[in-house]
C-alpha atoms as a PDB file:
ATOM      1  CA  MET A   1       0.000   0.000   0.000  1.00  0.00           C
ATOM      2  CA  LEU A   2       2.779   2.453   0.852  1.00  0.00           C
ATOM      3  CA  SER A   3       4.336   1.954  -2.582  1.00  0.00           C
ATOM      4  CA  ARG A   4       1.011   2.682  -4.253  1.00  0.00           C
ATOM      5  CA  ILE A   5       0.479   5.771  -2.096  1.00  0.00           C
ATOM      6  CA  ALA A   6       3.977   6.993  -2.980  1.00  0.00           C
ATOM      7  CA  ASP A   7       3.188   6.442  -6.663  1.00  0.00           C
ATOM      8  CA  VAL A   8       0.295   8.891  -6.307  1.00  0.00           C
ATOM      9  CA  LEU A   9       1.777  11.454  -3.925  1.00  0.00           C
ATOM     10  CA  VAL A  10       5.260  11.888  -5.345  1.00  0.00           C
ATOM     11  CA  PRO A  11       4.161  12.967  -8.870  1.00  0.00           C
ATOM     12  CA  ALA A  12       1.806  15.450  -7.203  1.00  0.00           C
ATOM     13  CA  VAL A  13       4.637  17.257  -5.416  1.00  0.00           C
ATOM     14  CA  GLY A  14       7.530  16.920  -7.861  1.00  0.00           C
ATOM     15  CA  ARG A  15       8.892  15.569 -11.128  1.00  0.00           C
ATOM     16  CA  LEU A  16      10.646  12.279 -10.394  1.00  0.00           C
ATOM     17  CA  THR A  17      13.185  10.678 -12.710  1.00  0.00           C
ATOM     18  CA  VAL A  18      15.055   7.420 -12.070  1.00  0.00           C
ATOM     19  CA  THR A  19      18.320   6.054 -13.469  1.00  0.00           C
ATOM     20  CA  THR A  20      20.344   2.899 -12.795  1.00  0.00           C
ATOM     21  CA  ASP A  21      23.887   1.697 -13.261  1.00  0.00           C
ATOM     22  CA  PRO A  22      24.492  -0.990 -15.902  1.00  0.00           C
ATOM     23  CA  GLY A  23      23.980  -4.378 -14.300  1.00  0.00           C
ATOM     24  CA  THR A  24      21.809  -3.060 -11.516  1.00  0.00           C
ATOM     25  CA  GLU A  25      19.625  -5.778 -10.016  1.00  0.00           C
ATOM     26  CA  LEU A  26      17.167  -5.611  -7.152  1.00  0.00           C
ATOM     27  CA  ALA A  27      17.456  -9.276  -6.286  1.00  0.00           C
ATOM     28  CA  PRO A  28      15.289 -10.783  -3.529  1.00  0.00           C
ATOM     29  CA  GLY A  29      17.024 -10.653  -0.163  1.00  0.00           C
ATOM     30  CA  SER A  30      19.029  -7.491  -0.913  1.00  0.00           C
ATOM     31  CA  ILE A  31      19.704  -4.532   1.367  1.00  0.00           C
ATOM     32  CA  VAL A  32      18.932  -1.160  -0.201  1.00  0.00           C
ATOM     33  CA  ALA A  33      21.019   1.618   1.373  1.00  0.00           C
ATOM     34  CA  ALA A  34      19.949   5.198   0.623  1.00  0.00           C
ATOM     35  CA  ASN A  35      21.042   8.665   1.710  1.00  0.00           C
ATOM     36  CA  HIS A  36      18.671  10.493   4.036  1.00  0.00           C
ATOM     37  CA  THR A  37      18.171  14.252   3.655  1.00  0.00           C
ATOM     38  CA  SER A  38      14.486  15.044   4.212  1.00  0.00           C
ATOM     39  CA  LEU A  39      11.229  13.736   5.624  1.00  0.00           C
ATOM     40  CA  ALA A  40      10.123  13.471   1.991  1.00  0.00           C
ATOM     41  CA  ASP A  41      12.809  11.161   0.700  1.00  0.00           C
ATOM     42  CA  PRO A  42      11.416   7.796   1.942  1.00  0.00           C
ATOM     43  CA  ALA A  43       8.341   8.338  -0.253  1.00  0.00           C
ATOM     44  CA  ILE A  44      10.535   9.396  -3.174  1.00  0.00           C
ATOM     45  CA  VAL A  45      12.836   6.372  -2.883  1.00  0.00           C
ATOM     46  CA  THR A  46       9.864   4.032  -2.425  1.00  0.00           C
ATOM     47  CA  ALA A  47       8.206   5.416  -5.572  1.00  0.00           C
ATOM     48  CA  ALA A  48      11.459   5.052  -7.519  1.00  0.00           C
ATOM     49  CA  LEU A  49      11.963   1.451  -6.402  1.00  0.00           C
ATOM     50  CA  HIS A  50       8.341   0.646  -7.258  1.00  0.00           C
ATOM     51  CA  ARG A  51       8.994   1.833 -10.810  1.00  0.00           C
ATOM     52  CA  LEU A  52      11.740  -0.801 -10.906  1.00  0.00           C
ATOM     53  CA  GLY A  53       9.370  -3.494  -9.639  1.00  0.00           C
ATOM     54  CA  ALA A  54      10.483  -3.537  -6.000  1.00  0.00           C
ATOM     55  CA  GLU A  55       8.497  -3.003  -2.791  1.00  0.00           C
ATOM     56  CA  PRO A  56      10.946  -2.825   0.128  1.00  0.00           C
ATOM     57  CA  VAL A  57      10.494  -3.312   3.835  1.00  0.00           C
ATOM     58  CA  ILE A  58      11.544   0.018   5.339  1.00  0.00           C
ATOM     59  CA  MET A  59      13.561   0.475   8.517  1.00  0.00           C
ATOM     60  CA  ALA A  60      12.333   3.765   9.994  1.00  0.00           C
ATOM     61  CA  ALA A  61      12.240   5.770  13.216  1.00  0.00           C
ATOM     62  CA  ALA A  62       9.908   4.118  15.713  1.00  0.00           C
ATOM     63  CA  GLY A  63       8.079   7.399  16.323  1.00  0.00           C
ATOM     64  CA  LEU A  64       6.300   7.002  12.981  1.00  0.00           C
ATOM     65  CA  TRP A  65       4.397   4.034  14.420  1.00  0.00           C
ATOM     66  CA  ARG A  66       2.676   6.475  16.794  1.00  0.00           C
ATOM     67  CA  VAL A  67       1.189   8.488  13.905  1.00  0.00           C
ATOM     68  CA  PRO A  68      -2.511   7.610  13.438  1.00  0.00           C
ATOM     69  CA  VAL A  69      -3.293   5.637  10.273  1.00  0.00           C
ATOM     70  CA  LEU A  70       0.353   5.667   9.140  1.00  0.00           C
ATOM     71  CA  GLY A  71       1.464   3.667  12.178  1.00  0.00           C
ATOM     72  CA  ARG A  72      -1.176   1.003  11.578  1.00  0.00           C
ATOM     73  CA  ALA A  73      -0.201   0.768   7.909  1.00  0.00           C
ATOM     74  CA  LEU A  74       3.484   0.404   8.764  1.00  0.00           C
ATOM     75  CA  ALA A  75       2.754  -2.351  11.283  1.00  0.00           C
ATOM     76  CA  ARG A  76       0.348  -4.185   8.985  1.00  0.00           C
ATOM     77  CA  GLU A  77       2.824  -4.252   6.094  1.00  0.00           C
ATOM     78  CA  GLY A  78       5.754  -5.468   8.170  1.00  0.00           C
ATOM     79  CA  HIS A  79       7.955  -2.398   8.115  1.00  0.00           C
ATOM     80  CA  ILE A  80      10.546  -2.230  10.858  1.00  0.00           C
ATOM     81  CA  PRO A  81      10.592   0.342  13.693  1.00  0.00           C
ATOM     82  CA  VAL A  82      14.033   1.417  14.883  1.00  0.00           C
ATOM     83  CA  VAL A  83      14.408   2.682  18.455  1.00  0.00           C
ATOM     84  CA  ARG A  84      17.668   4.622  18.404  1.00  0.00           C
ATOM     85  CA  GLY A  85      19.959   4.725  21.396  1.00  0.00           C
ATOM     86  CA  ASP A  86      18.158   1.832  23.057  1.00  0.00           C
ATOM     87  CA  ARG A  87      18.806  -1.883  23.508  1.00  0.00           C
ATOM     88  CA  ARG A  88      15.646  -2.466  21.474  1.00  0.00           C
ATOM     89  CA  ALA A  89      17.584  -1.337  18.379  1.00  0.00           C
ATOM     90  CA  ALA A  90      18.937  -4.901  18.184  1.00  0.00           C
ATOM     91  CA  ALA A  91      15.389  -6.142  17.630  1.00  0.00           C
ATOM     92  CA  ALA A  92      15.247  -4.068  14.439  1.00  0.00           C
ATOM     93  CA  LEU A  93      18.267  -5.930  13.061  1.00  0.00           C
ATOM     94  CA  ASP A  94      16.623  -9.243  13.984  1.00  0.00           C
ATOM     95  CA  ALA A  95      13.477  -8.245  12.084  1.00  0.00           C
ATOM     96  CA  ALA A  96      15.510  -7.041   9.107  1.00  0.00           C
ATOM     97  CA  ALA A  97      17.468 -10.306   8.971  1.00  0.00           C
ATOM     98  CA  GLU A  98      14.217 -12.284   9.023  1.00  0.00           C
ATOM     99  CA  ALA A  99      12.786 -10.162   6.194  1.00  0.00           C
ATOM    100  CA  LEU A 100      15.914 -10.748   4.104  1.00  0.00           C
ATOM    101  CA  GLU A 101      15.688 -14.487   4.719  1.00  0.00           C
ATOM    102  CA  ARG A 102      12.115 -14.373   3.371  1.00  0.00           C
ATOM    103  CA  GLY A 103      13.416 -12.777   0.185  1.00  0.00           C
ATOM    104  CA  ARG A 104      12.249  -9.231   0.915  1.00  0.00           C
ATOM    105  CA  LEU A 105      14.269  -6.134   0.101  1.00  0.00           C
ATOM    106  CA  VAL A 106      15.122  -4.068   3.170  1.00  0.00           C
ATOM    107  CA  LEU A 107      15.578  -0.293   2.834  1.00  0.00           C
ATOM    108  CA  ILE A 108      17.942   1.132   5.433  1.00  0.00           C
ATOM    109  CA  TYR A 109      19.111   4.678   6.123  1.00  0.00           C
ATOM    110  CA  ALA A 110      22.595   4.066   7.470  1.00  0.00           C
ATOM    111  CA  GLU A 111      23.157   7.699   8.504  1.00  0.00           C
ATOM    112  CA  GLY A 112      20.599   7.107  11.232  1.00  0.00           C
ATOM    113  CA  GLY A 113      18.949  10.527  11.052  1.00  0.00           C
ATOM    114  CA  LEU A 114      18.403  13.740   9.133  1.00  0.00           C
ATOM    115  CA  PRO A 115      21.003  16.495   8.637  1.00  0.00           C
ATOM    116  CA  ARG A 116      20.537  19.576  10.794  1.00  0.00           C
ATOM    117  CA  ARG A 117      21.121  22.055   7.973  1.00  0.00           C
ATOM    118  CA  ARG A 118      18.288  24.515   7.330  1.00  0.00           C
ATOM    119  CA  ASP A 119      19.002  25.265   3.661  1.00  0.00           C
ATOM    120  CA  ALA A 120      17.529  23.256   0.786  1.00  0.00           C
ATOM    121  CA  ALA A 121      20.844  22.484  -0.908  1.00  0.00           C
ATOM    122  CA  GLU A 122      22.309  19.024  -1.424  1.00  0.00           C
ATOM    123  CA  ALA A 123      25.305  17.688   0.458  1.00  0.00           C
ATOM    124  CA  ALA A 124      27.099  14.347   0.474  1.00  0.00           C
ATOM    125  CA  PRO A 125      25.864  11.684   2.918  1.00  0.00           C
ATOM    126  CA  GLY A 126      27.041  12.016   6.498  1.00  0.00           C
ATOM    127  CA  ALA A 127      28.805   9.380   8.573  1.00  0.00           C
ATOM    128  CA  PHE A 128      27.220   5.920   8.532  1.00  0.00           C
ATOM    129  CA  ARG A 129      26.333   4.080  11.713  1.00  0.00           C
ATOM    130  CA  SER A 130      27.294   0.429  12.136  1.00  0.00           C
ATOM    131  CA  GLY A 131      23.838  -1.105  11.663  1.00  0.00           C
ATOM    132  CA  LEU A 132      24.234  -1.705   7.934  1.00  0.00           C
ATOM    133  CA  ALA A 133      27.597  -3.453   8.374  1.00  0.00           C
ATOM    134  CA  ARG A 134      26.226  -5.588  11.209  1.00  0.00           C
ATOM    135  CA  LEU A 135      23.239  -6.617   9.094  1.00  0.00           C
ATOM    136  CA  VAL A 136      25.580  -7.652   6.279  1.00  0.00           C
ATOM    137  CA  GLU A 137      27.728  -9.617   8.732  1.00  0.00           C
ATOM    138  CA  ARG A 138      24.667 -11.543   9.897  1.00  0.00           C
ATOM    139  CA  THR A 139      23.092 -12.231   6.520  1.00  0.00           C
ATOM    140  CA  GLY A 140      25.713 -11.893   3.799  1.00  0.00           C
ATOM    141  CA  ALA A 141      23.123  -9.973   1.781  1.00  0.00           C
ATOM    142  CA  PRO A 142      24.254  -7.822  -1.159  1.00  0.00           C
ATOM    143  CA  VAL A 143      23.906  -4.057  -0.790  1.00  0.00           C
ATOM    144  CA  VAL A 144      22.273  -1.903  -3.453  1.00  0.00           C
ATOM    145  CA  PRO A 145      23.420   1.733  -3.081  1.00  0.00           C
ATOM    146  CA  VAL A 146      20.783   4.375  -3.804  1.00  0.00           C
ATOM    147  CA  GLY A 147      21.281   8.117  -4.101  1.00  0.00           C
ATOM    148  CA  GLN A 148      18.392  10.545  -4.084  1.00  0.00           C
ATOM    149  CA  ALA A 149      18.433  14.289  -4.649  1.00  0.00           C
ATOM    150  CA  GLY A 150      15.745  16.945  -4.596  1.00  0.00           C
ATOM    151  CA  ALA A 151      13.795  15.859  -1.529  1.00  0.00           C
ATOM    152  CA  ARG A 152      15.056  18.908   0.365  1.00  0.00           C
ATOM    153  CA  ARG A 153      13.341  21.057  -2.249  1.00  0.00           C
ATOM    154  CA  ILE A 154      10.063  19.706  -0.871  1.00  0.00           C
ATOM    155  CA  THR A 155      10.771  19.710   2.879  1.00  0.00           C
ATOM    156  CA  SER A 156      13.817  20.989   4.746  1.00  0.00           C
ATOM    157  CA  GLY A 157      14.767  23.403   7.511  1.00  0.00           C
ATOM    158  CA  SER A 158      12.555  24.527  10.374  1.00  0.00           C
ATOM    159  CA  THR A 159       9.114  23.080  11.041  1.00  0.00           C
ATOM    160  CA  ALA A 160       7.439  26.161   9.572  1.00  0.00           C
ATOM    161  CA  LYS A 161       9.632  26.004   6.475  1.00  0.00           C
ATOM    162  CA  GLN A 162       8.941  22.306   6.030  1.00  0.00           C
ATOM    163  CA  LEU A 163       5.189  22.835   6.208  1.00  0.00           C
ATOM    164  CA  ALA A 164       5.414  25.738   3.766  1.00  0.00           C
ATOM    165  CA  GLY A 165       7.528  23.662   1.401  1.00  0.00           C
ATOM    166  CA  LEU A 166       5.096  20.767   1.478  1.00  0.00           C
ATOM    167  CA  LEU A 167       2.093  23.019   0.889  1.00  0.00           C
ATOM    168  CA  THR A 168       3.687  24.809  -2.068  1.00  0.00           C
ATOM    169  CA  ALA A 169       5.322  21.751  -3.646  1.00  0.00           C
ATOM    170  CA  PRO A 170       2.247  20.841  -5.783  1.00  0.00           C
ATOM    171  CA  VAL A 171       2.549  24.270  -7.394  1.00  0.00           C
ATOM    172  CA  ARG A 172       6.348  24.341  -7.657  1.00  0.00           C
ATOM    173  CA  ARG A 173       6.740  20.634  -8.508  1.00  0.00           C
ATOM    174  CA  PRO A 174      10.540  20.574  -8.051  1.00  0.00           C
ATOM    175  CA  ASP A 175      12.728  18.130  -9.931  1.00  0.00           C
ATOM    176  CA  LEU A 176      13.614  14.952  -8.026  1.00  0.00           C
ATOM    177  CA  HIS A 177      16.047  12.250  -9.047  1.00  0.00           C
ATOM    178  CA  VAL A 178      16.908   8.786  -7.735  1.00  0.00           C
ATOM    179  CA  HIS A 179      19.898   6.793  -8.957  1.00  0.00           C
ATOM    180  CA  VAL A 180      20.222   3.078  -8.177  1.00  0.00           C
ATOM    181  CA  GLY A 181      23.732   1.669  -8.269  1.00  0.00           C
ATOM    182  CA  ALA A 182      24.916  -1.836  -9.037  1.00  0.00           C
ATOM    183  CA  PRO A 183      24.843  -4.225  -6.044  1.00  0.00           C
ATOM    184  CA  LEU A 184      28.035  -4.897  -4.147  1.00  0.00           C
ATOM    185  CA  GLU A 185      29.255  -7.539  -1.740  1.00  0.00           C
ATOM    186  CA  LEU A 186      30.671  -5.956   1.394  1.00  0.00           C
ATOM    187  CA  THR A 187      33.712  -7.722   2.852  1.00  0.00           C
ATOM    188  CA  GLY A 188      36.314  -6.860   5.458  1.00  0.00           C
ATOM    189  CA  ASP A 189      35.833  -5.797   9.052  1.00  0.00           C
ATOM    190  CA  ARG A 190      32.928  -3.659  10.239  1.00  0.00           C
ATOM    191  CA  ALA A 191      34.721  -0.357   9.658  1.00  0.00           C
ATOM    192  CA  VAL A 192      35.731  -1.338   6.130  1.00  0.00           C
ATOM    193  CA  ARG A 193      32.218  -2.503   5.262  1.00  0.00           C
ATOM    194  CA  THR A 194      30.766   0.736   6.589  1.00  0.00           C
ATOM    195  CA  ALA A 195      33.243   2.873   4.641  1.00  0.00           C
ATOM    196  CA  ARG A 196      32.637   0.975   1.400  1.00  0.00           C
ATOM    197  CA  ALA A 197      28.886   1.302   1.766  1.00  0.00           C
ATOM    198  CA  ARG A 198      29.125   5.042   2.390  1.00  0.00           C
ATOM    199  CA  THR A 199      31.381   5.483  -0.637  1.00  0.00           C
ATOM    200  CA  ALA A 200      28.930   3.599  -2.864  1.00  0.00           C
ATOM    201  CA  VAL A 201      25.912   5.569  -1.618  1.00  0.00           C
ATOM    202  CA  THR A 202      27.863   8.823  -2.010  1.00  0.00           C
ATOM    203  CA  THR A 203      28.662   7.907  -5.617  1.00  0.00           C
ATOM    204  CA  ALA A 204      24.978   7.185  -6.288  1.00  0.00           C
ATOM    205  CA  TRP A 205      23.988  10.456  -4.595  1.00  0.00           C
ATOM    206  CA  ARG A 206      26.510  12.390  -6.684  1.00  0.00           C
ATOM    207  CA  THR A 207      25.003  10.949  -9.867  1.00  0.00           C
ATOM    208  CA  ALA A 208      21.484  11.890  -8.739  1.00  0.00           C
ATOM    209  CA  ALA A 209      22.458  15.397  -7.603  1.00  0.00           C
ATOM    210  CA  ALA A 210      24.390  16.060 -10.813  1.00  0.00           C
ATOM    211  CA  GLN A 211      21.207  15.278 -12.750  1.00  0.00           C
ATOM    212  CA  LEU A 212      19.633  18.224 -10.916  1.00  0.00           C
ATOM    213  CA  ARG A 213      22.685  20.438 -11.460  1.00  0.00           C
ATOM    214  CA  GLU A 214      23.241  20.694  -7.723  1.00  0.00           C
ATOM    215  CA  PRO A 215      26.412  22.692  -6.978  1.00  0.00           C
ATOM    216  CA  ALA A 216      27.733  20.241  -4.361  1.00  0.00           C
ATOM    217  CA  ALA A 217      27.760  17.387  -6.873  1.00  0.00           C
ATOM    218  CA  LEU A 218      29.069  19.451  -9.791  1.00  0.00           C
ATOM    219  CA  ALA A 219      31.927  20.803  -7.675  1.00  0.00           C
ATOM    220  CA  ALA A 220      32.976  17.266  -6.721  1.00  0.00           C
END
């Protein structure tokens, strides 16, 4: 249901385009790692993946499960709440490993949170937490790096600015782009796996942001 909702909502607030690397495959039991810049980007990435025939299980902040209607939908469809800074965070990895074993794709935001910048510009992904590397260690699943750009043009900054951006987006309809990279097998110790994953997601983000002529990507 969330994929179908994203298919309707995202075109209403922006113009989404999707590209892939040669050889890109969203094989069952893969981990999809995406950069996280805005409250809008999970819907954008979900819509992009749905265009490619994939409907991922999403690992998301547990607070979303307290939102009426949305929380019930997330629970019903098997998405995974993540309680950060709590021993219950391990339960999220257990649930993700089980979903991968069932052949589901699992979408993870390895940065673990949103940037605190108030401007709408793009920037490279921040430091990755260890959850992605630990999930790979447990499951051996391949990682599909995804870069998205443009979500901050819909919502970013202060609460008032985010609400204003969301309300005006159907009129502005900003350009949005998602790039899906080729899958990779992460090897090495936890730090090496984490660094390789961040590099791959950064490369995918740079491709997406360059499509939108974002200065941060063009400068790099």
